[in-house]
Amino acid sequence: MHDLHIHLGGAVPSSVLWEILCDNGLRTEYVDFNTFHDSLTATPDEVKSLDDFLGRYFQVTEEIQSSPSAASVSAYQVVAKAFRRAQVDAVELRFNPNKRMRHGLHTMDAIILAVMQGLERASLHYGVATGIILSLGRDLSLEANWQIIEAAIKWRSRGSLNGANGVVGIDMAGPESRSLELSKPWMSEVSAMMEKARQAGLKITYHVGESQGTGPAGILSVLENIRPDRIGHGIELRRAEGSQKQAILSLLKENDVCLEICPTVNLVTRVVPDYACIAQFVRDLAKDEIAYCINTDNPYLIHTNLKREYQIIGEELGGDSETLLTLGMQHASRHQFLKD
């Protein structure tokens, strides 16, 4: 199984983060491990929205991971746990290096290299193919995002060292509530960034349609302006109607864009009411011949793993489960950014 959509900030066990926190002598409000662990468990009854989820949990985890040693340990543990819990054989780990520099104390290069080294160790130890996707941020300045693009190009794939591929792609992530994808000036600048990355040989994925903040209109804007290889979530496509829906489906199919579906996190962030909604979305994508794959997103914040995500959707799909989940695995293999 391939996990193509997994965030460093939400994929590291709380025990590992606690040890990093203590070893580095970081000052926090947490008085003991149990308090810390409970604070990093996201449930639908506590999370109000996608923006709330990103602000409440990622700020903490990114700060703890903000040093080369912490970033390396964290990256290693993501892969080790994914393999031991779910026998995952390929991981494309995404993170924003700008948010792990501890306000300029560390360099972006040092953070990227540290994550790369952690993944190389994990690939060597567990035989898991790995790659890095560097995330831009809607909540960052355009200048900061350009710096991430330049770093990604500098550190792009080093080849396959024991299955570790280095930097293989670019992502856009962050709060959707400002609906920046509907801003022509902003999209023009981001489009230029993505095109420079693409020309350097990097693949493109893009968080959009994860909530009503961007919705179907945002998905269409990204497809027209960015031309991504994959889309993170895209669950709001289910609300599209009429000519807008047909335009989105046509672009997805014509450009062979794969949707990265992350069931449990969409439930936790209140984007969908239940798993049945996501299962129906999978059925619709298959019927319309749109590529999709199942992923974890933030497995340790929401207490899941890739095997569990497949099981959850499989139960909802019923008699169609084997066919549709196998199709999803095939799409994941075909649309991965990792080199063979």
C-alpha atoms as a PDB file:
ATOM      1  CA  MET A   1       0.000   0.000   0.000  1.00  0.00           C
ATOM      2  CA  HIS A   2       1.131   3.549  -0.799  1.00  0.00           C
ATOM      3  CA  ASP A   3       0.440   6.562   1.433  1.00  0.00           C
ATOM      4  CA  LEU A   4       0.789   9.566  -0.864  1.00  0.00           C
ATOM      5  CA  HIS A   5      -0.802  12.154   1.437  1.00  0.00           C
ATOM      6  CA  ILE A   6       0.726  12.205   4.910  1.00  0.00           C
ATOM      7  CA  HIS A   7       1.895  15.255   6.886  1.00  0.00           C
ATOM      8  CA  LEU A   8       4.992  15.212   9.072  1.00  0.00           C
ATOM      9  CA  GLY A   9       3.195  17.448  11.581  1.00  0.00           C
ATOM     10  CA  GLY A  10       0.417  14.947  12.215  1.00  0.00           C
ATOM     11  CA  ALA A  11       2.105  11.590  11.658  1.00  0.00           C
ATOM     12  CA  VAL A  12       4.559  11.336  14.564  1.00  0.00           C
ATOM     13  CA  PRO A  13       3.529   9.476  17.738  1.00  0.00           C
ATOM     14  CA  SER A  14       2.954  11.716  20.739  1.00  0.00           C
ATOM     15  CA  SER A  15       5.496   9.665  22.712  1.00  0.00           C
ATOM     16  CA  VAL A  16       8.223  10.559  20.209  1.00  0.00           C
ATOM     17  CA  LEU A  17       7.250  14.233  20.209  1.00  0.00           C
ATOM     18  CA  TRP A  18       7.232  14.240  24.013  1.00  0.00           C
ATOM     19  CA  GLU A  19      10.752  12.808  24.113  1.00  0.00           C
ATOM     20  CA  ILE A  20      11.949  15.438  21.626  1.00  0.00           C
ATOM     21  CA  LEU A  21      10.275  18.159  23.668  1.00  0.00           C
ATOM     22  CA  CYS A  22      11.909  16.992  26.899  1.00  0.00           C
ATOM     23  CA  ASP A  23      15.349  16.319  25.399  1.00  0.00           C
ATOM     24  CA  ASN A  24      15.458  19.821  23.915  1.00  0.00           C
ATOM     25  CA  GLY A  25      14.214  21.489  27.103  1.00  0.00           C
ATOM     26  CA  LEU A  26      11.389  23.286  25.335  1.00  0.00           C
ATOM     27  CA  ARG A  27       9.087  25.383  27.503  1.00  0.00           C
ATOM     28  CA  THR A  28       5.437  24.467  27.007  1.00  0.00           C
ATOM     29  CA  GLU A  29       2.188  24.454  28.935  1.00  0.00           C
ATOM     30  CA  TYR A  30       2.244  20.651  29.212  1.00  0.00           C
ATOM     31  CA  VAL A  31       3.171  19.380  32.670  1.00  0.00           C
ATOM     32  CA  ASP A  32       3.343  15.670  31.869  1.00  0.00           C
ATOM     33  CA  PHE A  33       3.058  13.161  29.027  1.00  0.00           C
ATOM     34  CA  ASN A  34      -0.610  12.300  29.613  1.00  0.00           C
ATOM     35  CA  THR A  35      -1.630  15.943  29.350  1.00  0.00           C
ATOM     36  CA  PHE A  36       0.444  16.315  26.195  1.00  0.00           C
ATOM     37  CA  HIS A  37      -0.911  13.116  24.616  1.00  0.00           C
ATOM     38  CA  ASP A  38      -4.526  14.080  25.314  1.00  0.00           C
ATOM     39  CA  SER A  39      -3.961  17.498  23.759  1.00  0.00           C
ATOM     40  CA  LEU A  40      -2.777  15.882  20.519  1.00  0.00           C
ATOM     41  CA  THR A  41      -5.786  13.645  20.046  1.00  0.00           C
ATOM     42  CA  ALA A  42      -8.192  15.205  17.564  1.00  0.00           C
ATOM     43  CA  THR A  43     -11.851  14.168  17.715  1.00  0.00           C
ATOM     44  CA  PRO A  44     -14.905  15.489  15.828  1.00  0.00           C
ATOM     45  CA  ASP A  45     -16.569  16.696  19.032  1.00  0.00           C
ATOM     46  CA  GLU A  46     -13.594  19.000  19.759  1.00  0.00           C
ATOM     47  CA  VAL A  47     -12.611  20.235  16.289  1.00  0.00           C
ATOM     48  CA  LYS A  48     -14.838  22.992  14.910  1.00  0.00           C
ATOM     49  CA  SER A  49     -13.469  23.271  11.371  1.00  0.00           C
ATOM     50  CA  LEU A  50     -10.474  22.694   9.115  1.00  0.00           C
ATOM     51  CA  ASP A  51      -8.954  26.029  10.176  1.00  0.00           C
ATOM     52  CA  ASP A  52      -9.413  25.114  13.832  1.00  0.00           C
ATOM     53  CA  PHE A  53      -7.741  21.744  13.256  1.00  0.00           C
ATOM     54  CA  LEU A  54      -4.720  23.291  11.530  1.00  0.00           C
ATOM     55  CA  GLY A  55      -4.279  26.016  14.137  1.00  0.00           C
ATOM     56  CA  ARG A  56      -4.880  23.892  17.200  1.00  0.00           C
ATOM     57  CA  TYR A  57      -2.553  20.984  16.474  1.00  0.00           C
ATOM     58  CA  PHE A  58      -0.004  21.843  13.814  1.00  0.00           C
ATOM     59  CA  GLN A  59       1.362  24.880  15.616  1.00  0.00           C
ATOM     60  CA  VAL A  60       2.428  22.623  18.480  1.00  0.00           C
ATOM     61  CA  THR A  61       3.861  19.747  16.448  1.00  0.00           C
ATOM     62  CA  GLU A  62       5.712  21.986  13.991  1.00  0.00           C
ATOM     63  CA  GLU A  63       7.378  23.885  16.836  1.00  0.00           C
ATOM     64  CA  ILE A  64       8.557  20.654  18.451  1.00  0.00           C
ATOM     65  CA  GLN A  65       9.925  19.423  15.112  1.00  0.00           C
ATOM     66  CA  SER A  66      11.822  22.685  14.577  1.00  0.00           C
ATOM     67  CA  SER A  67      15.427  21.536  14.664  1.00  0.00           C
ATOM     68  CA  PRO A  68      17.489  19.276  12.391  1.00  0.00           C
ATOM     69  CA  SER A  69      17.697  16.483  14.979  1.00  0.00           C
ATOM     70  CA  ALA A  70      13.963  16.640  15.745  1.00  0.00           C
ATOM     71  CA  ALA A  71      13.049  16.717  12.042  1.00  0.00           C
ATOM     72  CA  SER A  72      15.227  13.686  11.306  1.00  0.00           C
ATOM     73  CA  VAL A  73      13.840  11.612  14.185  1.00  0.00           C
ATOM     74  CA  SER A  74      10.284  12.596  13.277  1.00  0.00           C
ATOM     75  CA  ALA A  75      10.667  11.622   9.615  1.00  0.00           C
ATOM     76  CA  TYR A  76      12.178   8.265  10.542  1.00  0.00           C
ATOM     77  CA  GLN A  77       9.370   7.466  12.972  1.00  0.00           C
ATOM     78  CA  VAL A  78       6.633   8.269  10.433  1.00  0.00           C
ATOM     79  CA  VAL A  79       7.907   5.587   8.069  1.00  0.00           C
ATOM     80  CA  ALA A  80       8.780   3.076  10.776  1.00  0.00           C
ATOM     81  CA  LYS A  81       5.306   3.290  12.293  1.00  0.00           C
ATOM     82  CA  ALA A  82       3.554   3.192   8.916  1.00  0.00           C
ATOM     83  CA  PHE A  83       5.363  -0.004   8.048  1.00  0.00           C
ATOM     84  CA  ARG A  84       4.883  -1.701  11.420  1.00  0.00           C
ATOM     85  CA  ARG A  85       1.207  -0.728  11.747  1.00  0.00           C
ATOM     86  CA  ALA A  86       0.004  -1.182   8.181  1.00  0.00           C
ATOM     87  CA  GLN A  87       2.808  -2.718   6.093  1.00  0.00           C
ATOM     88  CA  VAL A  88       2.935   0.441   3.966  1.00  0.00           C
ATOM     89  CA  ASP A  89       5.569   0.029   1.250  1.00  0.00           C
ATOM     90  CA  ALA A  90       5.747   3.601  -0.083  1.00  0.00           C
ATOM     91  CA  VAL A  91       5.428   6.964   1.686  1.00  0.00           C
ATOM     92  CA  GLU A  92       5.488  10.457   0.218  1.00  0.00           C
ATOM     93  CA  LEU A  93       5.964  12.658   3.285  1.00  0.00           C
ATOM     94  CA  ARG A  94       5.011  16.307   3.055  1.00  0.00           C
ATOM     95  CA  PHE A  95       5.986  19.208   5.293  1.00  0.00           C
ATOM     96  CA  ASN A  96       6.612  22.959   5.239  1.00  0.00           C
ATOM     97  CA  PRO A  97      10.325  23.612   5.955  1.00  0.00           C
ATOM     98  CA  ASN A  98       9.717  27.319   6.621  1.00  0.00           C
ATOM     99  CA  LYS A  99       7.666  26.416   9.700  1.00  0.00           C
ATOM    100  CA  ARG A 100      10.470  24.303  11.203  1.00  0.00           C
ATOM    101  CA  MET A 101      13.259  26.889  11.222  1.00  0.00           C
ATOM    102  CA  ARG A 102      12.420  28.163  14.716  1.00  0.00           C
ATOM    103  CA  HIS A 103      12.101  31.758  13.554  1.00  0.00           C
ATOM    104  CA  GLY A 104      15.411  31.752  11.690  1.00  0.00           C
ATOM    105  CA  LEU A 105      17.499  29.884  14.249  1.00  0.00           C
ATOM    106  CA  HIS A 106      17.927  27.021  11.752  1.00  0.00           C
ATOM    107  CA  THR A 107      18.342  27.152   7.980  1.00  0.00           C
ATOM    108  CA  MET A 108      15.860  25.666   5.561  1.00  0.00           C
ATOM    109  CA  ASP A 109      18.625  23.576   4.018  1.00  0.00           C
ATOM    110  CA  ALA A 110      19.457  22.028   7.385  1.00  0.00           C
ATOM    111  CA  ILE A 111      15.825  21.042   7.992  1.00  0.00           C
ATOM    112  CA  ILE A 112      15.371  19.517   4.527  1.00  0.00           C
ATOM    113  CA  LEU A 113      18.625  17.581   4.752  1.00  0.00           C
ATOM    114  CA  ALA A 114      17.667  16.269   8.202  1.00  0.00           C
ATOM    115  CA  VAL A 115      14.298  14.966   6.973  1.00  0.00           C
ATOM    116  CA  MET A 116      16.021  13.428   3.960  1.00  0.00           C
ATOM    117  CA  GLN A 117      18.505  11.627   6.191  1.00  0.00           C
ATOM    118  CA  GLY A 118      15.725  10.361   8.455  1.00  0.00           C
ATOM    119  CA  LEU A 119      13.896   8.936   5.456  1.00  0.00           C
ATOM    120  CA  GLU A 120      17.056   7.371   4.070  1.00  0.00           C
ATOM    121  CA  ARG A 121      17.577   5.523   7.345  1.00  0.00           C
ATOM    122  CA  ALA A 122      13.950   4.410   7.388  1.00  0.00           C
ATOM    123  CA  SER A 123      14.093   3.196   3.782  1.00  0.00           C
ATOM    124  CA  LEU A 124      17.253   1.245   4.577  1.00  0.00           C
ATOM    125  CA  HIS A 125      15.810  -0.320   7.751  1.00  0.00           C
ATOM    126  CA  TYR A 126      12.288  -1.146   6.535  1.00  0.00           C
ATOM    127  CA  GLY A 127      12.542  -1.374   2.752  1.00  0.00           C
ATOM    128  CA  VAL A 128       9.920   1.360   2.306  1.00  0.00           C
ATOM    129  CA  ALA A 129      10.233   3.657  -0.711  1.00  0.00           C
ATOM    130  CA  THR A 130      10.144   7.282   0.438  1.00  0.00           C
ATOM    131  CA  GLY A 131      10.068  10.769  -0.996  1.00  0.00           C
ATOM    132  CA  ILE A 132       9.609  14.336   0.211  1.00  0.00           C
ATOM    133  CA  ILE A 133       6.915  16.767  -0.898  1.00  0.00           C
ATOM    134  CA  LEU A 134       7.635  20.331   0.240  1.00  0.00           C
ATOM    135  CA  SER A 135       4.479  22.232   1.156  1.00  0.00           C
ATOM    136  CA  LEU A 136       3.943  25.885   0.403  1.00  0.00           C
ATOM    137  CA  GLY A 137       1.588  27.756   2.727  1.00  0.00           C
ATOM    138  CA  ARG A 138      -1.475  29.873   2.064  1.00  0.00           C
ATOM    139  CA  ASP A 139      -0.650  31.522   5.387  1.00  0.00           C
ATOM    140  CA  LEU A 140       2.882  32.465   4.285  1.00  0.00           C
ATOM    141  CA  SER A 141       4.020  35.427   2.219  1.00  0.00           C
ATOM    142  CA  LEU A 142       4.650  34.949  -1.492  1.00  0.00           C
ATOM    143  CA  GLU A 143       8.331  35.640  -0.803  1.00  0.00           C
ATOM    144  CA  ALA A 144       8.500  32.804   1.751  1.00  0.00           C
ATOM    145  CA  ASN A 145       6.786  30.445  -0.683  1.00  0.00           C
ATOM    146  CA  TRP A 146       9.256  31.338  -3.431  1.00  0.00           C
ATOM    147  CA  GLN A 147      12.070  30.435  -1.021  1.00  0.00           C
ATOM    148  CA  ILE A 148      10.520  26.984  -0.560  1.00  0.00           C
ATOM    149  CA  ILE A 149      10.309  26.544  -4.335  1.00  0.00           C
ATOM    150  CA  GLU A 150      14.000  27.417  -4.703  1.00  0.00           C
ATOM    151  CA  ALA A 151      14.898  24.991  -1.901  1.00  0.00           C
ATOM    152  CA  ALA A 152      12.846  22.216  -3.507  1.00  0.00           C
ATOM    153  CA  ILE A 153      14.636  22.689  -6.815  1.00  0.00           C
ATOM    154  CA  LYS A 154      17.995  22.706  -5.049  1.00  0.00           C
ATOM    155  CA  TRP A 155      17.212  19.479  -3.174  1.00  0.00           C
ATOM    156  CA  ARG A 156      15.191  17.708  -5.875  1.00  0.00           C
ATOM    157  CA  SER A 157      15.550  13.961  -6.178  1.00  0.00           C
ATOM    158  CA  ARG A 158      18.977  12.589  -5.400  1.00  0.00           C
ATOM    159  CA  GLY A 159      18.060   9.331  -7.138  1.00  0.00           C
ATOM    160  CA  SER A 160      16.931   6.254  -5.299  1.00  0.00           C
ATOM    161  CA  LEU A 161      19.256   5.591  -2.359  1.00  0.00           C
ATOM    162  CA  ASN A 162      17.968   2.385  -0.740  1.00  0.00           C
ATOM    163  CA  GLY A 163      14.502   3.450  -1.887  1.00  0.00           C
ATOM    164  CA  ALA A 164      14.772   7.035  -0.595  1.00  0.00           C
ATOM    165  CA  ASN A 165      14.035   9.501  -3.408  1.00  0.00           C
ATOM    166  CA  GLY A 166      14.719  12.895  -1.834  1.00  0.00           C
ATOM    167  CA  VAL A 167      12.490  15.847  -2.798  1.00  0.00           C
ATOM    168  CA  VAL A 168      10.038  14.715  -5.471  1.00  0.00           C
ATOM    169  CA  GLY A 169       7.210  17.248  -5.400  1.00  0.00           C
ATOM    170  CA  ILE A 170       5.552  20.493  -4.321  1.00  0.00           C
ATOM    171  CA  ASP A 171       2.278  20.972  -2.466  1.00  0.00           C
ATOM    172  CA  MET A 172       0.105  23.911  -1.453  1.00  0.00           C
ATOM    173  CA  ALA A 173      -1.544  23.613   1.956  1.00  0.00           C
ATOM    174  CA  GLY A 174      -2.966  25.648   4.819  1.00  0.00           C
ATOM    175  CA  PRO A 175      -6.274  27.271   5.804  1.00  0.00           C
ATOM    176  CA  GLU A 176      -8.808  27.489   2.989  1.00  0.00           C
ATOM    177  CA  SER A 177     -11.090  30.085   4.592  1.00  0.00           C
ATOM    178  CA  ARG A 178      -9.561  33.038   2.702  1.00  0.00           C
ATOM    179  CA  SER A 179     -10.477  31.420  -0.641  1.00  0.00           C
ATOM    180  CA  LEU A 180      -7.190  32.539  -2.180  1.00  0.00           C
ATOM    181  CA  GLU A 181      -7.694  30.236  -5.159  1.00  0.00           C
ATOM    182  CA  LEU A 182     -10.403  32.641  -6.298  1.00  0.00           C
ATOM    183  CA  SER A 183      -7.932  35.575  -6.323  1.00  0.00           C
ATOM    184  CA  LYS A 184      -6.457  36.055  -9.809  1.00  0.00           C
ATOM    185  CA  PRO A 185      -3.324  37.974  -8.684  1.00  0.00           C
ATOM    186  CA  TRP A 186      -2.497  35.375  -6.007  1.00  0.00           C
ATOM    187  CA  MET A 187      -3.114  32.460  -8.335  1.00  0.00           C
ATOM    188  CA  SER A 188      -0.992  34.058 -11.037  1.00  0.00           C
ATOM    189  CA  GLU A 189       1.996  34.196  -8.683  1.00  0.00           C
ATOM    190  CA  VAL A 190       1.456  30.671  -7.358  1.00  0.00           C
ATOM    191  CA  SER A 191       1.062  29.379 -10.896  1.00  0.00           C
ATOM    192  CA  ALA A 192       4.483  30.843 -11.748  1.00  0.00           C
ATOM    193  CA  MET A 193       5.979  29.101  -8.708  1.00  0.00           C
ATOM    194  CA  MET A 194       4.499  25.744  -9.634  1.00  0.00           C
ATOM    195  CA  GLU A 195       5.571  26.055 -13.247  1.00  0.00           C
ATOM    196  CA  LYS A 196       9.170  26.738 -12.209  1.00  0.00           C
ATOM    197  CA  ALA A 197       9.083  23.627 -10.009  1.00  0.00           C
ATOM    198  CA  ARG A 198       7.565  21.574 -12.831  1.00  0.00           C
ATOM    199  CA  GLN A 199      10.245  22.719 -15.283  1.00  0.00           C
ATOM    200  CA  ALA A 200      12.855  21.534 -12.779  1.00  0.00           C
ATOM    201  CA  GLY A 201      11.350  18.053 -12.833  1.00  0.00           C
ATOM    202  CA  LEU A 202       9.204  18.198  -9.695  1.00  0.00           C
ATOM    203  CA  LYS A 203       5.642  16.899  -9.544  1.00  0.00           C
ATOM    204  CA  ILE A 204       2.730  18.993  -8.259  1.00  0.00           C
ATOM    205  CA  THR A 205      -0.043  18.238  -5.802  1.00  0.00           C
ATOM    206  CA  TYR A 206      -2.379  20.835  -4.305  1.00  0.00           C
ATOM    207  CA  HIS A 207      -4.723  20.952  -1.302  1.00  0.00           C
ATOM    208  CA  VAL A 208      -8.023  22.263  -2.600  1.00  0.00           C
ATOM    209  CA  GLY A 209     -11.683  21.425  -2.159  1.00  0.00           C
ATOM    210  CA  GLU A 210     -10.921  20.154   1.322  1.00  0.00           C
ATOM    211  CA  SER A 211     -13.630  22.455   2.693  1.00  0.00           C
ATOM    212  CA  GLN A 212     -16.236  24.914   1.485  1.00  0.00           C
ATOM    213  CA  GLY A 213     -13.592  27.649   1.840  1.00  0.00           C
ATOM    214  CA  THR A 214     -12.375  26.757  -1.636  1.00  0.00           C
ATOM    215  CA  GLY A 215     -15.156  24.418  -2.762  1.00  0.00           C
ATOM    216  CA  PRO A 216     -15.787  23.380  -6.386  1.00  0.00           C
ATOM    217  CA  ALA A 217     -14.820  26.845  -7.670  1.00  0.00           C
ATOM    218  CA  GLY A 218     -11.401  26.491  -6.072  1.00  0.00           C
ATOM    219  CA  ILE A 219     -10.910  23.043  -7.576  1.00  0.00           C
ATOM    220  CA  LEU A 220     -11.730  24.383 -11.043  1.00  0.00           C
ATOM    221  CA  SER A 221      -9.362  27.336 -10.566  1.00  0.00           C
ATOM    222  CA  VAL A 222      -6.488  25.046  -9.553  1.00  0.00           C
ATOM    223  CA  LEU A 223      -7.102  22.682 -12.469  1.00  0.00           C
ATOM    224  CA  GLU A 224      -7.114  25.572 -14.940  1.00  0.00           C
ATOM    225  CA  ASN A 225      -4.197  27.579 -13.507  1.00  0.00           C
ATOM    226  CA  ILE A 226      -1.889  25.097 -11.781  1.00  0.00           C
ATOM    227  CA  ARG A 227      -2.482  21.900 -13.788  1.00  0.00           C
ATOM    228  CA  PRO A 228      -1.497  19.630 -10.879  1.00  0.00           C
ATOM    229  CA  ASP A 229      -0.617  15.948 -11.112  1.00  0.00           C
ATOM    230  CA  ARG A 230      -2.718  15.248  -8.018  1.00  0.00           C
ATOM    231  CA  ILE A 231      -5.200  17.073  -5.804  1.00  0.00           C
ATOM    232  CA  GLY A 232      -5.204  16.808  -2.034  1.00  0.00           C
ATOM    233  CA  HIS A 233      -8.749  15.854  -0.959  1.00  0.00           C
ATOM    234  CA  GLY A 234     -11.041  17.474  -3.549  1.00  0.00           C
ATOM    235  CA  ILE A 235     -13.962  16.123  -1.523  1.00  0.00           C
ATOM    236  CA  GLU A 236     -15.972  19.296  -2.244  1.00  0.00           C
ATOM    237  CA  LEU A 237     -16.308  18.135  -5.837  1.00  0.00           C
ATOM    238  CA  ARG A 238     -19.394  16.335  -4.560  1.00  0.00           C
ATOM    239  CA  ARG A 239     -21.141  19.732  -4.295  1.00  0.00           C
ATOM    240  CA  ALA A 240     -20.433  20.718  -7.905  1.00  0.00           C
ATOM    241  CA  GLU A 241     -23.366  20.902 -10.277  1.00  0.00           C
ATOM    242  CA  GLY A 242     -24.176  21.513 -13.915  1.00  0.00           C
ATOM    243  CA  SER A 243     -21.558  22.999 -16.218  1.00  0.00           C
ATOM    244  CA  GLN A 244     -19.114  23.563 -13.357  1.00  0.00           C
ATOM    245  CA  LYS A 245     -19.146  19.880 -12.490  1.00  0.00           C
ATOM    246  CA  GLN A 246     -18.707  18.867 -16.119  1.00  0.00           C
ATOM    247  CA  ALA A 247     -15.768  21.265 -16.509  1.00  0.00           C
ATOM    248  CA  ILE A 248     -14.046  19.824 -13.406  1.00  0.00           C
ATOM    249  CA  LEU A 249     -14.622  16.221 -14.454  1.00  0.00           C
ATOM    250  CA  SER A 250     -13.362  16.915 -17.968  1.00  0.00           C
ATOM    251  CA  LEU A 251     -10.131  18.497 -16.715  1.00  0.00           C
ATOM    252  CA  LEU A 252      -9.546  15.736 -14.170  1.00  0.00           C
ATOM    253  CA  LYS A 253      -9.981  13.067 -16.818  1.00  0.00           C
ATOM    254  CA  GLU A 254      -8.146  14.825 -19.667  1.00  0.00           C
ATOM    255  CA  ASN A 255      -5.104  15.568 -17.493  1.00  0.00           C
ATOM    256  CA  ASP A 256      -5.256  12.272 -15.580  1.00  0.00           C
ATOM    257  CA  VAL A 257      -5.313  14.019 -12.178  1.00  0.00           C
ATOM    258  CA  CYS A 258      -5.530  11.787  -9.119  1.00  0.00           C
ATOM    259  CA  LEU A 259      -7.560  12.785  -6.034  1.00  0.00           C
ATOM    260  CA  GLU A 260      -5.906  11.998  -2.684  1.00  0.00           C
ATOM    261  CA  ILE A 261      -8.782  10.913  -0.446  1.00  0.00           C
ATOM    262  CA  CYS A 262      -8.252  11.045   3.340  1.00  0.00           C
ATOM    263  CA  PRO A 263     -11.417   9.661   5.005  1.00  0.00           C
ATOM    264  CA  THR A 264     -10.993  10.066   8.763  1.00  0.00           C
ATOM    265  CA  VAL A 265      -9.515  13.559   8.740  1.00  0.00           C
ATOM    266  CA  ASN A 266     -12.450  14.797   6.634  1.00  0.00           C
ATOM    267  CA  LEU A 267     -14.775  13.454   9.302  1.00  0.00           C
ATOM    268  CA  VAL A 268     -12.740  14.973  12.163  1.00  0.00           C
ATOM    269  CA  THR A 269     -12.669  18.413  10.531  1.00  0.00           C
ATOM    270  CA  ARG A 270     -16.454  18.265   9.935  1.00  0.00           C
ATOM    271  CA  VAL A 271     -16.100  18.422   6.164  1.00  0.00           C
ATOM    272  CA  VAL A 272     -18.300  15.327   5.764  1.00  0.00           C
ATOM    273  CA  PRO A 273     -21.062  14.030   8.062  1.00  0.00           C
ATOM    274  CA  ASP A 274     -20.032  10.360   7.932  1.00  0.00           C
ATOM    275  CA  TYR A 275     -17.936   7.735   6.153  1.00  0.00           C
ATOM    276  CA  ALA A 276     -20.861   6.766   3.950  1.00  0.00           C
ATOM    277  CA  CYS A 277     -20.512  10.154   2.239  1.00  0.00           C
ATOM    278  CA  ILE A 278     -16.887   9.417   1.368  1.00  0.00           C
ATOM    279  CA  ALA A 279     -17.711   5.916   0.146  1.00  0.00           C
ATOM    280  CA  GLN A 280     -20.312   7.377  -2.197  1.00  0.00           C
ATOM    281  CA  PHE A 281     -17.709   9.875  -3.396  1.00  0.00           C
ATOM    282  CA  VAL A 282     -15.402   6.967  -4.244  1.00  0.00           C
ATOM    283  CA  ARG A 283     -18.204   5.246  -6.172  1.00  0.00           C
ATOM    284  CA  ASP A 284     -18.875   8.429  -8.129  1.00  0.00           C
ATOM    285  CA  LEU A 285     -15.207   8.918  -8.994  1.00  0.00           C
ATOM    286  CA  ALA A 286     -14.939   5.330 -10.231  1.00  0.00           C
ATOM    287  CA  LYS A 287     -18.110   5.731 -12.290  1.00  0.00           C
ATOM    288  CA  ASP A 288     -16.735   8.914 -13.862  1.00  0.00           C
ATOM    289  CA  GLU A 289     -13.346   7.236 -14.441  1.00  0.00           C
ATOM    290  CA  ILE A 290     -11.476   9.707 -12.204  1.00  0.00           C
ATOM    291  CA  ALA A 291      -8.297   8.471 -10.492  1.00  0.00           C
ATOM    292  CA  TYR A 292      -8.265   8.374  -6.673  1.00  0.00           C
ATOM    293  CA  CYS A 293      -6.224   6.896  -3.833  1.00  0.00           C
ATOM    294  CA  ILE A 294      -6.764   6.397  -0.084  1.00  0.00           C
ATOM    295  CA  ASN A 295      -4.403   8.051   2.402  1.00  0.00           C
ATOM    296  CA  THR A 296      -4.036   8.877   6.109  1.00  0.00           C
ATOM    297  CA  ASP A 297      -3.248  12.636   6.149  1.00  0.00           C
ATOM    298  CA  ASN A 298      -2.460  12.930   9.887  1.00  0.00           C
ATOM    299  CA  PRO A 299      -2.524   9.381  11.292  1.00  0.00           C
ATOM    300  CA  TYR A 300      -1.365  10.096  14.844  1.00  0.00           C
ATOM    301  CA  LEU A 301      -3.472  13.196  15.424  1.00  0.00           C
ATOM    302  CA  ILE A 302      -6.580  11.242  14.413  1.00  0.00           C
ATOM    303  CA  HIS A 303      -5.415   7.795  15.623  1.00  0.00           C
ATOM    304  CA  THR A 304      -5.509   5.877  12.375  1.00  0.00           C
ATOM    305  CA  ASN A 305      -3.240   4.103   9.892  1.00  0.00           C
ATOM    306  CA  LEU A 306      -3.516   3.252   6.212  1.00  0.00           C
ATOM    307  CA  LYS A 307      -4.844  -0.257   6.803  1.00  0.00           C
ATOM    308  CA  ARG A 308      -7.620   1.163   8.982  1.00  0.00           C
ATOM    309  CA  GLU A 309      -8.546   3.792   6.364  1.00  0.00           C
ATOM    310  CA  TYR A 310      -8.967   1.045   3.756  1.00  0.00           C
ATOM    311  CA  GLN A 311     -11.016  -1.039   6.180  1.00  0.00           C
ATOM    312  CA  ILE A 312     -13.325   1.853   7.047  1.00  0.00           C
ATOM    313  CA  ILE A 313     -14.116   2.687   3.438  1.00  0.00           C
ATOM    314  CA  GLY A 314     -14.272  -0.998   2.519  1.00  0.00           C
ATOM    315  CA  GLU A 315     -17.004  -1.599   5.083  1.00  0.00           C
ATOM    316  CA  GLU A 316     -19.017   1.300   3.686  1.00  0.00           C
ATOM    317  CA  LEU A 317     -18.563   0.149   0.098  1.00  0.00           C
ATOM    318  CA  GLY A 318     -19.891  -3.317   0.891  1.00  0.00           C
ATOM    319  CA  GLY A 319     -19.937  -5.627  -2.118  1.00  0.00           C
ATOM    320  CA  ASP A 320     -18.056  -3.080  -4.236  1.00  0.00           C
ATOM    321  CA  SER A 321     -15.156  -2.834  -1.784  1.00  0.00           C
ATOM    322  CA  GLU A 322     -12.666  -5.244  -3.335  1.00  0.00           C
ATOM    323  CA  THR A 323     -13.030  -3.803  -6.823  1.00  0.00           C
ATOM    324  CA  LEU A 324     -12.977  -0.130  -5.799  1.00  0.00           C
ATOM    325  CA  LEU A 325     -10.193  -0.404  -3.219  1.00  0.00           C
ATOM    326  CA  THR A 326      -8.011  -2.399  -5.598  1.00  0.00           C
ATOM    327  CA  LEU A 327      -8.618   0.276  -8.215  1.00  0.00           C
ATOM    328  CA  GLY A 328      -7.530   2.906  -5.686  1.00  0.00           C
ATOM    329  CA  MET A 329      -4.309   1.001  -4.982  1.00  0.00           C
ATOM    330  CA  GLN A 330      -3.612   0.804  -8.704  1.00  0.00           C
ATOM    331  CA  HIS A 331      -4.160   4.546  -9.063  1.00  0.00           C
ATOM    332  CA  ALA A 332      -1.797   5.199  -6.117  1.00  0.00           C
ATOM    333  CA  SER A 333       0.931   3.117  -7.723  1.00  0.00           C
ATOM    334  CA  ARG A 334       0.504   4.819 -11.091  1.00  0.00           C
ATOM    335  CA  HIS A 335       0.339   8.356  -9.709  1.00  0.00           C
ATOM    336  CA  GLN A 336       3.121   8.195  -7.143  1.00  0.00           C
ATOM    337  CA  PHE A 337       5.909  10.747  -7.502  1.00  0.00           C
ATOM    338  CA  LEU A 338       8.558   8.218  -6.480  1.00  0.00           C
ATOM    339  CA  LYS A 339      10.866   6.795  -9.107  1.00  0.00           C
ATOM    340  CA  ASP A 340      10.806   3.063  -9.782  1.00  0.00           C
END
